[in-house]
Amino acid sequence: MIKLDEKHIKTLLVTLLYQFPIYFIHSEREMDKKYPDVLLLERSPFAVKHQHLIELKYAKKSDNAADWEAKQQEGIAQVQGYLQLPAIAVPKLSVWLMLTDSERVEIQRIRLE
């Protein structure tokens, strides 16, 4: 776990998500030169209550709470940028920020206005 980082967390998440056939799973799909980490879109003939955008952030282990907060703010800013893209304007979208340092995980739902 010494070299664990964001790409490893994303690989684990996407591997688990592929067990569910109800979503098309897009990982780092290019959208106007932006790359959302994971986008889960409804797959016909399944009907889902929500489609999901998941942004992952990995913070280096630190006793400094400011480092964690900075990564969290960076993730929120990225998500807000993605939400400006026409391709992300999908119905029933839930947006999530997943922040970890390999010891703790915080999942935050980003509210859409």
PDB file of N, CA and C in Angstrom:
ATOM      1  N   MET A   1       0.814  -1.199   0.000  1.00  0.00           N
ATOM      2  CA  MET A   1       0.000   0.000   0.000  1.00  0.00           C
ATOM      3  C   MET A   1       0.857   1.262   0.000  1.00  0.00           C
ATOM      4  N   ILE A   2       2.165   1.103  -0.001  1.00  0.00           N
ATOM      5  CA  ILE A   2       3.032   2.268   0.027  1.00  0.00           C
ATOM      6  C   ILE A   2       2.853   3.116  -1.231  1.00  0.00           C
ATOM      7  N   LYS A   3       2.691   2.485  -2.382  1.00  0.00           N
ATOM      8  CA  LYS A   3       2.572   3.226  -3.638  1.00  0.00           C
ATOM      9  C   LYS A   3       1.137   3.324  -4.146  1.00  0.00           C
ATOM     10  N   LEU A   4       0.180   3.125  -3.289  1.00  0.00           N
ATOM     11  CA  LEU A   4      -1.222   3.220  -3.665  1.00  0.00           C
ATOM     12  C   LEU A   4      -1.558   4.669  -4.005  1.00  0.00           C
ATOM     13  N   ASP A   5      -2.254   4.862  -5.137  1.00  0.00           N
ATOM     14  CA  ASP A   5      -2.657   6.215  -5.493  1.00  0.00           C
ATOM     15  C   ASP A   5      -4.010   6.179  -6.201  1.00  0.00           C
ATOM     16  N   GLU A   6      -4.389   7.292  -6.808  1.00  0.00           N
ATOM     17  CA  GLU A   6      -5.719   7.444  -7.394  1.00  0.00           C
ATOM     18  C   GLU A   6      -6.017   6.405  -8.471  1.00  0.00           C
ATOM     19  N   LYS A   7      -5.044   6.119  -9.331  1.00  0.00           N
ATOM     20  CA  LYS A   7      -5.314   5.165 -10.414  1.00  0.00           C
ATOM     21  C   LYS A   7      -5.603   3.761  -9.879  1.00  0.00           C
ATOM     22  N   HIS A   8      -4.992   3.394  -8.758  1.00  0.00           N
ATOM     23  CA  HIS A   8      -5.269   2.088  -8.158  1.00  0.00           C
ATOM     24  C   HIS A   8      -6.676   2.045  -7.556  1.00  0.00           C
ATOM     25  N   ILE A   9      -7.068   3.118  -6.900  1.00  0.00           N
ATOM     26  CA  ILE A   9      -8.411   3.196  -6.322  1.00  0.00           C
ATOM     27  C   ILE A   9      -9.447   3.135  -7.442  1.00  0.00           C
ATOM     28  N   LYS A  10      -9.200   3.864  -8.540  1.00  0.00           N
ATOM     29  CA  LYS A  10     -10.136   3.863  -9.658  1.00  0.00           C
ATOM     30  C   LYS A  10     -10.235   2.479 -10.288  1.00  0.00           C
ATOM     31  N   THR A  11      -9.125   1.783 -10.422  1.00  0.00           N
ATOM     32  CA  THR A  11      -9.141   0.429 -10.981  1.00  0.00           C
ATOM     33  C   THR A  11      -9.993  -0.499 -10.129  1.00  0.00           C
ATOM     34  N   LEU A  12      -9.855  -0.403  -8.826  1.00  0.00           N
ATOM     35  CA  LEU A  12     -10.675  -1.225  -7.925  1.00  0.00           C
ATOM     36  C   LEU A  12     -12.156  -0.875  -8.059  1.00  0.00           C
ATOM     37  N   LEU A  13     -12.461   0.402  -8.091  1.00  0.00           N
ATOM     38  CA  LEU A  13     -13.855   0.841  -8.193  1.00  0.00           C
ATOM     39  C   LEU A  13     -14.485   0.377  -9.504  1.00  0.00           C
ATOM     40  N   VAL A  14     -13.812   0.603 -10.617  1.00  0.00           N
ATOM     41  CA  VAL A  14     -14.359   0.233 -11.918  1.00  0.00           C
ATOM     42  C   VAL A  14     -14.507  -1.283 -12.024  1.00  0.00           C
ATOM     43  N   THR A  15     -13.564  -2.030 -11.487  1.00  0.00           N
ATOM     44  CA  THR A  15     -13.672  -3.490 -11.485  1.00  0.00           C
ATOM     45  C   THR A  15     -14.926  -3.950 -10.754  1.00  0.00           C
ATOM     46  N   LEU A  16     -15.202  -3.341  -9.625  1.00  0.00           N
ATOM     47  CA  LEU A  16     -16.417  -3.688  -8.881  1.00  0.00           C
ATOM     48  C   LEU A  16     -17.681  -3.268  -9.632  1.00  0.00           C
ATOM     49  N   LEU A  17     -17.654  -2.112 -10.258  1.00  0.00           N
ATOM     50  CA  LEU A  17     -18.827  -1.614 -10.969  1.00  0.00           C
ATOM     51  C   LEU A  17     -19.166  -2.457 -12.192  1.00  0.00           C
ATOM     52  N   TYR A  18     -18.181  -3.082 -12.808  1.00  0.00           N
ATOM     53  CA  TYR A  18     -18.442  -3.899 -13.995  1.00  0.00           C
ATOM     54  C   TYR A  18     -19.276  -5.132 -13.680  1.00  0.00           C
ATOM     55  N   GLN A  19     -19.524  -5.406 -12.429  1.00  0.00           N
ATOM     56  CA  GLN A  19     -20.364  -6.535 -12.048  1.00  0.00           C
ATOM     57  C   GLN A  19     -21.849  -6.228 -12.240  1.00  0.00           C
ATOM     58  N   PHE A  20     -22.181  -4.964 -12.466  1.00  0.00           N
ATOM     59  CA  PHE A  20     -23.563  -4.536 -12.585  1.00  0.00           C
ATOM     60  C   PHE A  20     -23.859  -4.139 -14.027  1.00  0.00           C
ATOM     61  N   PRO A  21     -24.722  -4.880 -14.720  1.00  0.00           N
ATOM     62  CA  PRO A  21     -24.968  -4.616 -16.142  1.00  0.00           C
ATOM     63  C   PRO A  21     -25.911  -3.445 -16.429  1.00  0.00           C
ATOM     64  N   ILE A  22     -26.394  -2.766 -15.404  1.00  0.00           N
ATOM     65  CA  ILE A  22     -27.400  -1.724 -15.633  1.00  0.00           C
ATOM     66  C   ILE A  22     -26.810  -0.395 -16.102  1.00  0.00           C
ATOM     67  N   TYR A  23     -25.485  -0.261 -16.044  1.00  0.00           N
ATOM     68  CA  TYR A  23     -24.834   0.990 -16.444  1.00  0.00           C
ATOM     69  C   TYR A  23     -23.815   0.764 -17.551  1.00  0.00           C
ATOM     70  N   PHE A  24     -23.703   1.759 -18.436  1.00  0.00           N
ATOM     71  CA  PHE A  24     -22.523   1.873 -19.278  1.00  0.00           C
ATOM     72  C   PHE A  24     -21.488   2.562 -18.402  1.00  0.00           C
ATOM     73  N   ILE A  25     -20.302   2.021 -18.319  1.00  0.00           N
ATOM     74  CA  ILE A  25     -19.267   2.593 -17.462  1.00  0.00           C
ATOM     75  C   ILE A  25     -18.221   3.267 -18.343  1.00  0.00           C
ATOM     76  N   HIS A  26     -18.056   4.562 -18.138  1.00  0.00           N
ATOM     77  CA  HIS A  26     -17.067   5.330 -18.887  1.00  0.00           C
ATOM     78  C   HIS A  26     -16.000   5.789 -17.901  1.00  0.00           C
ATOM     79  N   SER A  27     -14.768   5.395 -18.155  1.00  0.00           N
ATOM     80  CA  SER A  27     -13.648   5.773 -17.300  1.00  0.00           C
ATOM     81  C   SER A  27     -12.735   6.717 -18.078  1.00  0.00           C
ATOM     82  N   GLU A  28     -12.572   7.919 -17.553  1.00  0.00           N
ATOM     83  CA  GLU A  28     -11.723   8.942 -18.182  1.00  0.00           C
ATOM     84  C   GLU A  28     -12.161   9.235 -19.616  1.00  0.00           C
ATOM     85  N   ARG A  29     -13.454   9.253 -19.849  1.00  0.00           N
ATOM     86  CA  ARG A  29     -13.990   9.553 -21.181  1.00  0.00           C
ATOM     87  C   ARG A  29     -13.715  11.015 -21.520  1.00  0.00           C
ATOM     88  N   GLU A  30     -13.123  11.239 -22.674  1.00  0.00           N
ATOM     89  CA  GLU A  30     -12.782  12.600 -23.077  1.00  0.00           C
ATOM     90  C   GLU A  30     -14.045  13.369 -23.457  1.00  0.00           C
ATOM     91  N   MET A  31     -14.211  14.526 -22.825  1.00  0.00           N
ATOM     92  CA  MET A  31     -15.344  15.397 -23.099  1.00  0.00           C
ATOM     93  C   MET A  31     -14.827  16.823 -23.139  1.00  0.00           C
ATOM     94  N   ASP A  32     -14.652  17.330 -24.345  1.00  0.00           N
ATOM     95  CA  ASP A  32     -14.166  18.694 -24.526  1.00  0.00           C
ATOM     96  C   ASP A  32     -12.859  18.931 -23.759  1.00  0.00           C
ATOM     97  N   LYS A  33     -11.947  17.994 -23.892  1.00  0.00           N
ATOM     98  CA  LYS A  33     -10.616  18.031 -23.261  1.00  0.00           C
ATOM     99  C   LYS A  33     -10.661  17.977 -21.735  1.00  0.00           C
ATOM    100  N   LYS A  34     -11.738  17.419 -21.200  1.00  0.00           N
ATOM    101  CA  LYS A  34     -11.851  17.159 -19.768  1.00  0.00           C
ATOM    102  C   LYS A  34     -12.120  15.667 -19.618  1.00  0.00           C
ATOM    103  N   TYR A  35     -11.697  15.094 -18.493  1.00  0.00           N
ATOM    104  CA  TYR A  35     -11.745  13.649 -18.322  1.00  0.00           C
ATOM    105  C   TYR A  35     -12.340  13.260 -16.968  1.00  0.00           C
ATOM    106  N   PRO A  36     -13.665  13.188 -16.867  1.00  0.00           N
ATOM    107  CA  PRO A  36     -14.265  12.737 -15.600  1.00  0.00           C
ATOM    108  C   PRO A  36     -13.782  11.323 -15.275  1.00  0.00           C
ATOM    109  N   ASP A  37     -13.505  11.061 -14.009  1.00  0.00           N
ATOM    110  CA  ASP A  37     -12.960   9.763 -13.626  1.00  0.00           C
ATOM    111  C   ASP A  37     -13.893   8.607 -13.980  1.00  0.00           C
ATOM    112  N   VAL A  38     -15.124   8.637 -13.498  1.00  0.00           N
ATOM    113  CA  VAL A  38     -16.072   7.553 -13.764  1.00  0.00           C
ATOM    114  C   VAL A  38     -17.445   8.161 -14.035  1.00  0.00           C
ATOM    115  N   LEU A  39     -18.036   7.738 -15.135  1.00  0.00           N
ATOM    116  CA  LEU A  39     -19.380   8.166 -15.488  1.00  0.00           C
ATOM    117  C   LEU A  39     -20.211   6.906 -15.703  1.00  0.00           C
ATOM    118  N   LEU A  40     -21.298   6.783 -14.956  1.00  0.00           N
ATOM    119  CA  LEU A  40     -22.196   5.630 -15.062  1.00  0.00           C
ATOM    120  C   LEU A  40     -23.490   6.093 -15.714  1.00  0.00           C
ATOM    121  N   LEU A  41     -23.732   5.606 -16.932  1.00  0.00           N
ATOM    122  CA  LEU A  41     -24.901   6.018 -17.693  1.00  0.00           C
ATOM    123  C   LEU A  41     -25.859   4.847 -17.868  1.00  0.00           C
ATOM    124  N   GLU A  42     -27.129   5.169 -17.866  1.00  0.00           N
ATOM    125  CA  GLU A  42     -28.188   4.170 -17.976  1.00  0.00           C
ATOM    126  C   GLU A  42     -28.009   3.323 -19.237  1.00  0.00           C
ATOM    127  N   ARG A  43     -28.192   2.031 -19.068  1.00  0.00           N
ATOM    128  CA  ARG A  43     -28.103   1.087 -20.183  1.00  0.00           C
ATOM    129  C   ARG A  43     -29.481   0.488 -20.439  1.00  0.00           C
ATOM    130  N   SER A  44     -29.947   0.629 -21.672  1.00  0.00           N
ATOM    131  CA  SER A  44     -31.239   0.056 -22.035  1.00  0.00           C
ATOM    132  C   SER A  44     -31.118  -1.472 -22.032  1.00  0.00           C
ATOM    133  N   PRO A  45     -32.086  -2.187 -21.603  1.00  0.00           N
ATOM    134  CA  PRO A  45     -33.463  -1.844 -21.279  1.00  0.00           C
ATOM    135  C   PRO A  45     -33.665  -1.521 -19.800  1.00  0.00           C
ATOM    136  N   PHE A  46     -32.595  -1.350 -19.057  1.00  0.00           N
ATOM    137  CA  PHE A  46     -32.712  -1.092 -17.623  1.00  0.00           C
ATOM    138  C   PHE A  46     -33.118   0.355 -17.373  1.00  0.00           C
ATOM    139  N   ALA A  47     -33.915   0.555 -16.366  1.00  0.00           N
ATOM    140  CA  ALA A  47     -34.288   1.902 -15.941  1.00  0.00           C
ATOM    141  C   ALA A  47     -33.685   2.117 -14.556  1.00  0.00           C
ATOM    142  N   VAL A  48     -32.950   3.183 -14.410  1.00  0.00           N
ATOM    143  CA  VAL A  48     -32.312   3.478 -13.130  1.00  0.00           C
ATOM    144  C   VAL A  48     -32.849   4.796 -12.589  1.00  0.00           C
ATOM    145  N   LYS A  49     -32.789   4.924 -11.281  1.00  0.00           N
ATOM    146  CA  LYS A  49     -33.238   6.180 -10.666  1.00  0.00           C
ATOM    147  C   LYS A  49     -32.220   7.291 -10.865  1.00  0.00           C
ATOM    148  N   HIS A  50     -30.939   6.909 -10.916  1.00  0.00           N
ATOM    149  CA  HIS A  50     -29.884   7.914 -11.046  1.00  0.00           C
ATOM    150  C   HIS A  50     -28.790   7.427 -11.968  1.00  0.00           C
ATOM    151  N   GLN A  51     -28.191   8.383 -12.673  1.00  0.00           N
ATOM    152  CA  GLN A  51     -26.941   8.164 -13.372  1.00  0.00           C
ATOM    153  C   GLN A  51     -25.892   8.865 -12.510  1.00  0.00           C
ATOM    154  N   HIS A  52     -24.629   8.471 -12.631  1.00  0.00           N
ATOM    155  CA  HIS A  52     -23.639   8.959 -11.670  1.00  0.00           C
ATOM    156  C   HIS A  52     -22.370   9.462 -12.338  1.00  0.00           C
ATOM    157  N   LEU A  53     -21.848  10.519 -11.760  1.00  0.00           N
ATOM    158  CA  LEU A  53     -20.519  11.023 -12.078  1.00  0.00           C
ATOM    159  C   LEU A  53     -19.713  10.902 -10.796  1.00  0.00           C
ATOM    160  N   ILE A  54     -18.578  10.207 -10.861  1.00  0.00           N
ATOM    161  CA  ILE A  54     -17.748  10.007  -9.674  1.00  0.00           C
ATOM    162  C   ILE A  54     -16.361  10.577  -9.953  1.00  0.00           C
ATOM    163  N   GLU A  55     -15.948  11.505  -9.127  1.00  0.00           N
ATOM    164  CA  GLU A  55     -14.595  12.068  -9.209  1.00  0.00           C
ATOM    165  C   GLU A  55     -13.793  11.519  -8.034  1.00  0.00           C
ATOM    166  N   LEU A  56     -12.627  10.981  -8.335  1.00  0.00           N
ATOM    167  CA  LEU A  56     -11.756  10.413  -7.304  1.00  0.00           C
ATOM    168  C   LEU A  56     -10.584  11.344  -7.052  1.00  0.00           C
ATOM    169  N   LYS A  57     -10.237  11.484  -5.793  1.00  0.00           N
ATOM    170  CA  LYS A  57      -9.061  12.262  -5.422  1.00  0.00           C
ATOM    171  C   LYS A  57      -8.289  11.481  -4.370  1.00  0.00           C
ATOM    172  N   TYR A  58      -6.983  11.484  -4.520  1.00  0.00           N
ATOM    173  CA  TYR A  58      -6.106  10.808  -3.571  1.00  0.00           C
ATOM    174  C   TYR A  58      -5.229  11.854  -2.904  1.00  0.00           C
ATOM    175  N   ALA A  59      -5.317  11.927  -1.591  1.00  0.00           N
ATOM    176  CA  ALA A  59      -4.496  12.863  -0.824  1.00  0.00           C
ATOM    177  C   ALA A  59      -3.362  12.082  -0.164  1.00  0.00           C
ATOM    178  N   LYS A  60      -2.182  12.628  -0.196  1.00  0.00           N
ATOM    179  CA  LYS A  60      -1.072  11.976   0.499  1.00  0.00           C
ATOM    180  C   LYS A  60      -1.339  12.008   1.989  1.00  0.00           C
ATOM    181  N   LYS A  61      -0.897  10.953   2.667  1.00  0.00           N
ATOM    182  CA  LYS A  61      -1.090  10.898   4.119  1.00  0.00           C
ATOM    183  C   LYS A  61      -0.368  12.068   4.769  1.00  0.00           C
ATOM    184  N   SER A  62      -1.082  12.728   5.645  1.00  0.00           N
ATOM    185  CA  SER A  62      -0.530  13.899   6.300  1.00  0.00           C
ATOM    186  C   SER A  62      -1.356  14.185   7.549  1.00  0.00           C
ATOM    187  N   ASP A  63      -0.708  14.724   8.533  1.00  0.00           N
ATOM    188  CA  ASP A  63      -1.429  15.157   9.726  1.00  0.00           C
ATOM    189  C   ASP A  63      -2.048  16.530   9.509  1.00  0.00           C
ATOM    190  N   ASN A  64      -1.722  17.137   8.392  1.00  0.00           N
ATOM    191  CA  ASN A  64      -2.187  18.476   8.097  1.00  0.00           C
ATOM    192  C   ASN A  64      -3.575  18.414   7.442  1.00  0.00           C
ATOM    193  N   ALA A  65      -4.576  18.873   8.150  1.00  0.00           N
ATOM    194  CA  ALA A  65      -5.951  18.861   7.634  1.00  0.00           C
ATOM    195  C   ALA A  65      -6.089  19.763   6.403  1.00  0.00           C
ATOM    196  N   ALA A  66      -5.224  20.738   6.256  1.00  0.00           N
ATOM    197  CA  ALA A  66      -5.280  21.645   5.111  1.00  0.00           C
ATOM    198  C   ALA A  66      -4.989  20.888   3.811  1.00  0.00           C
ATOM    199  N   ASP A  67      -4.120  19.869   3.862  1.00  0.00           N
ATOM    200  CA  ASP A  67      -3.826  19.069   2.666  1.00  0.00           C
ATOM    201  C   ASP A  67      -5.077  18.330   2.198  1.00  0.00           C
ATOM    202  N   TRP A  68      -5.797  17.738   3.144  1.00  0.00           N
ATOM    203  CA  TRP A  68      -7.033  17.015   2.838  1.00  0.00           C
ATOM    204  C   TRP A  68      -8.064  17.984   2.260  1.00  0.00           C
ATOM    205  N   GLU A  69      -8.214  19.125   2.891  1.00  0.00           N
ATOM    206  CA  GLU A  69      -9.170  20.138   2.450  1.00  0.00           C
ATOM    207  C   GLU A  69      -8.821  20.662   1.054  1.00  0.00           C
ATOM    208  N   ALA A  70      -7.538  20.826   0.767  1.00  0.00           N
ATOM    209  CA  ALA A  70      -7.118  21.317  -0.550  1.00  0.00           C
ATOM    210  C   ALA A  70      -7.498  20.312  -1.636  1.00  0.00           C
ATOM    211  N   LYS A  71      -7.288  19.029  -1.400  1.00  0.00           N
ATOM    212  CA  LYS A  71      -7.668  18.000  -2.371  1.00  0.00           C
ATOM    213  C   LYS A  71      -9.184  17.960  -2.555  1.00  0.00           C
ATOM    214  N   GLN A  72      -9.898  18.143  -1.464  1.00  0.00           N
ATOM    215  CA  GLN A  72     -11.360  18.155  -1.531  1.00  0.00           C
ATOM    216  C   GLN A  72     -11.840  19.327  -2.400  1.00  0.00           C
ATOM    217  N   GLN A  73     -11.291  20.498  -2.193  1.00  0.00           N
ATOM    218  CA  GLN A  73     -11.667  21.677  -2.974  1.00  0.00           C
ATOM    219  C   GLN A  73     -11.271  21.516  -4.442  1.00  0.00           C
ATOM    220  N   GLU A  74     -10.127  20.888  -4.685  1.00  0.00           N
ATOM    221  CA  GLU A  74      -9.692  20.617  -6.054  1.00  0.00           C
ATOM    222  C   GLU A  74     -10.709  19.703  -6.763  1.00  0.00           C
ATOM    223  N   GLY A  75     -11.164  18.682  -6.070  1.00  0.00           N
ATOM    224  CA  GLY A  75     -12.150  17.766  -6.631  1.00  0.00           C
ATOM    225  C   GLY A  75     -13.473  18.449  -6.919  1.00  0.00           C
ATOM    226  N   ILE A  76     -13.928  19.276  -5.997  1.00  0.00           N
ATOM    227  CA  ILE A  76     -15.185  20.010  -6.193  1.00  0.00           C
ATOM    228  C   ILE A  76     -15.071  20.947  -7.392  1.00  0.00           C
ATOM    229  N   ALA A  77     -13.946  21.615  -7.529  1.00  0.00           N
ATOM    230  CA  ALA A  77     -13.741  22.512  -8.670  1.00  0.00           C
ATOM    231  C   ALA A  77     -13.750  21.737  -9.986  1.00  0.00           C
ATOM    232  N   GLN A  78     -13.134  20.560 -10.005  1.00  0.00           N
ATOM    233  CA  GLN A  78     -13.142  19.739 -11.214  1.00  0.00           C
ATOM    234  C   GLN A  78     -14.561  19.334 -11.577  1.00  0.00           C
ATOM    235  N   VAL A  79     -15.316  18.880 -10.589  1.00  0.00           N
ATOM    236  CA  VAL A  79     -16.699  18.453 -10.829  1.00  0.00           C
ATOM    237  C   VAL A  79     -17.519  19.618 -11.377  1.00  0.00           C
ATOM    238  N   GLN A  80     -17.356  20.792 -10.811  1.00  0.00           N
ATOM    239  CA  GLN A  80     -18.107  21.953 -11.289  1.00  0.00           C
ATOM    240  C   GLN A  80     -17.753  22.272 -12.738  1.00  0.00           C
ATOM    241  N   GLY A  81     -16.502  22.055 -13.120  1.00  0.00           N
ATOM    242  CA  GLY A  81     -16.103  22.225 -14.513  1.00  0.00           C
ATOM    243  C   GLY A  81     -16.766  21.202 -15.421  1.00  0.00           C
ATOM    244  N   TYR A  82     -16.837  19.952 -14.962  1.00  0.00           N
ATOM    245  CA  TYR A  82     -17.494  18.908 -15.756  1.00  0.00           C
ATOM    246  C   TYR A  82     -18.969  19.209 -15.959  1.00  0.00           C
ATOM    247  N   LEU A  83     -19.603  19.754 -14.947  1.00  0.00           N
ATOM    248  CA  LEU A  83     -21.039  20.018 -15.017  1.00  0.00           C
ATOM    249  C   LEU A  83     -21.390  21.114 -16.018  1.00  0.00           C
ATOM    250  N   GLN A  84     -20.399  21.862 -16.466  1.00  0.00           N
ATOM    251  CA  GLN A  84     -20.628  22.887 -17.483  1.00  0.00           C
ATOM    252  C   GLN A  84     -20.647  22.297 -18.896  1.00  0.00           C
ATOM    253  N   LEU A  85     -20.214  21.046 -19.040  1.00  0.00           N
ATOM    254  CA  LEU A  85     -20.137  20.409 -20.352  1.00  0.00           C
ATOM    255  C   LEU A  85     -21.511  19.938 -20.809  1.00  0.00           C
ATOM    256  N   PRO A  86     -21.879  20.207 -22.061  1.00  0.00           N
ATOM    257  CA  PRO A  86     -23.179  19.737 -22.568  1.00  0.00           C
ATOM    258  C   PRO A  86     -23.323  18.212 -22.505  1.00  0.00           C
ATOM    259  N   ALA A  87     -22.238  17.471 -22.700  1.00  0.00           N
ATOM    260  CA  ALA A  87     -22.308  16.005 -22.681  1.00  0.00           C
ATOM    261  C   ALA A  87     -22.634  15.457 -21.296  1.00  0.00           C
ATOM    262  N   ILE A  88     -22.419  16.243 -20.252  1.00  0.00           N
ATOM    263  CA  ILE A  88     -22.704  15.807 -18.883  1.00  0.00           C
ATOM    264  C   ILE A  88     -24.138  16.151 -18.491  1.00  0.00           C
ATOM    265  N   ALA A  89     -24.828  16.896 -19.307  1.00  0.00           N
ATOM    266  CA  ALA A  89     -26.213  17.285 -19.000  1.00  0.00           C
ATOM    267  C   ALA A  89     -27.144  16.095 -19.241  1.00  0.00           C
ATOM    268  N   VAL A  90     -27.000  15.075 -18.434  1.00  0.00           N
ATOM    269  CA  VAL A  90     -27.852  13.881 -18.544  1.00  0.00           C
ATOM    270  C   VAL A  90     -28.909  13.932 -17.449  1.00  0.00           C
ATOM    271  N   PRO A  91     -30.078  13.353 -17.711  1.00  0.00           N
ATOM    272  CA  PRO A  91     -31.125  13.373 -16.680  1.00  0.00           C
ATOM    273  C   PRO A  91     -30.750  12.495 -15.497  1.00  0.00           C
ATOM    274  N   LYS A  92     -31.295  12.849 -14.343  1.00  0.00           N
ATOM    275  CA  LYS A  92     -31.156  12.053 -13.115  1.00  0.00           C
ATOM    276  C   LYS A  92     -29.695  11.855 -12.706  1.00  0.00           C
ATOM    277  N   LEU A  93     -28.884  12.887 -12.835  1.00  0.00           N
ATOM    278  CA  LEU A  93     -27.458  12.767 -12.535  1.00  0.00           C
ATOM    279  C   LEU A  93     -27.186  13.010 -11.053  1.00  0.00           C
ATOM    280  N   SER A  94     -26.465  12.088 -10.443  1.00  0.00           N
ATOM    281  CA  SER A  94     -25.941  12.257  -9.086  1.00  0.00           C
ATOM    282  C   SER A  94     -24.430  12.398  -9.207  1.00  0.00           C
ATOM    283  N   VAL A  95     -23.871  13.333  -8.471  1.00  0.00           N
ATOM    284  CA  VAL A  95     -22.441  13.615  -8.572  1.00  0.00           C
ATOM    285  C   VAL A  95     -21.782  13.335  -7.227  1.00  0.00           C
ATOM    286  N   TRP A  96     -20.655  12.619  -7.288  1.00  0.00           N
ATOM    287  CA  TRP A  96     -19.967  12.173  -6.074  1.00  0.00           C
ATOM    288  C   TRP A  96     -18.487  12.523  -6.137  1.00  0.00           C
ATOM    289  N   LEU A  97     -17.938  12.895  -4.989  1.00  0.00           N
ATOM    290  CA  LEU A  97     -16.499  13.079  -4.832  1.00  0.00           C
ATOM    291  C   LEU A  97     -16.027  12.050  -3.819  1.00  0.00           C
ATOM    292  N   MET A  98     -15.069  11.231  -4.220  1.00  0.00           N
ATOM    293  CA  MET A  98     -14.508  10.223  -3.326  1.00  0.00           C
ATOM    294  C   MET A  98     -13.061  10.607  -3.054  1.00  0.00           C
ATOM    295  N   LEU A  99     -12.765  10.880  -1.797  1.00  0.00           N
ATOM    296  CA  LEU A  99     -11.441  11.328  -1.375  1.00  0.00           C
ATOM    297  C   LEU A  99     -10.859  10.312  -0.412  1.00  0.00           C
ATOM    298  N   THR A 100      -9.624   9.891  -0.669  1.00  0.00           N
ATOM    299  CA  THR A 100      -8.986   8.911   0.212  1.00  0.00           C
ATOM    300  C   THR A 100      -7.496   9.194   0.359  1.00  0.00           C
ATOM    301  N   ASP A 101      -6.928   8.689   1.425  1.00  0.00           N
ATOM    302  CA  ASP A 101      -5.477   8.695   1.608  1.00  0.00           C
ATOM    303  C   ASP A 101      -4.989   7.271   1.874  1.00  0.00           C
ATOM    304  N   SER A 102      -5.806   6.294   1.523  1.00  0.00           N
ATOM    305  CA  SER A 102      -5.609   4.843   1.670  1.00  0.00           C
ATOM    306  C   SER A 102      -5.882   4.335   3.086  1.00  0.00           C
ATOM    307  N   GLU A 103      -6.059   5.240   4.030  1.00  0.00           N
ATOM    308  CA  GLU A 103      -6.455   4.826   5.381  1.00  0.00           C
ATOM    309  C   GLU A 103      -7.903   5.223   5.671  1.00  0.00           C
ATOM    310  N   ARG A 104      -8.300   6.333   5.156  1.00  0.00           N
ATOM    311  CA  ARG A 104      -9.673   6.787   5.346  1.00  0.00           C
ATOM    312  C   ARG A 104     -10.261   7.151   3.990  1.00  0.00           C
ATOM    313  N   VAL A 105     -11.558   7.049   3.903  1.00  0.00           N
ATOM    314  CA  VAL A 105     -12.278   7.373   2.678  1.00  0.00           C
ATOM    315  C   VAL A 105     -13.436   8.290   3.050  1.00  0.00           C
ATOM    316  N   GLU A 106     -13.587   9.351   2.308  1.00  0.00           N
ATOM    317  CA  GLU A 106     -14.720  10.252   2.495  1.00  0.00           C
ATOM    318  C   GLU A 106     -15.447  10.359   1.164  1.00  0.00           C
ATOM    319  N   ILE A 107     -16.734  10.101   1.179  1.00  0.00           N
ATOM    320  CA  ILE A 107     -17.549  10.204  -0.028  1.00  0.00           C
ATOM    321  C   ILE A 107     -18.536  11.335   0.202  1.00  0.00           C
ATOM    322  N   GLN A 108     -18.520  12.268  -0.714  1.00  0.00           N
ATOM    323  CA  GLN A 108     -19.345  13.459  -0.578  1.00  0.00           C
ATOM    324  C   GLN A 108     -20.229  13.591  -1.810  1.00  0.00           C
ATOM    325  N   ARG A 109     -21.516  13.760  -1.595  1.00  0.00           N
ATOM    326  CA  ARG A 109     -22.415  14.012  -2.718  1.00  0.00           C
ATOM    327  C   ARG A 109     -22.415  15.494  -3.007  1.00  0.00           C
ATOM    328  N   ILE A 110     -22.172  15.834  -4.250  1.00  0.00           N
ATOM    329  CA  ILE A 110     -22.153  17.225  -4.679  1.00  0.00           C
ATOM    330  C   ILE A 110     -23.574  17.577  -5.122  1.00  0.00           C
ATOM    331  N   ARG A 111     -24.158  18.558  -4.502  1.00  0.00           N
ATOM    332  CA  ARG A 111     -25.520  18.967  -4.816  1.00  0.00           C
ATOM    333  C   ARG A 111     -25.546  19.779  -6.102  1.00  0.00           C
ATOM    334  N   LEU A 112     -26.464  19.463  -6.968  1.00  0.00           N
ATOM    335  CA  LEU A 112     -26.642  20.201  -8.210  1.00  0.00           C
ATOM    336  C   LEU A 112     -27.653  21.313  -7.988  1.00  0.00           C
ATOM    337  N   GLU A 113     -27.394  22.464  -8.588  1.00  0.00           N
ATOM    338  CA  GLU A 113     -28.342  23.583  -8.461  1.00  0.00           C
ATOM    339  C   GLU A 113     -29.271  23.619  -9.614  1.00  0.00           C
TER     340      GLU A 113
END
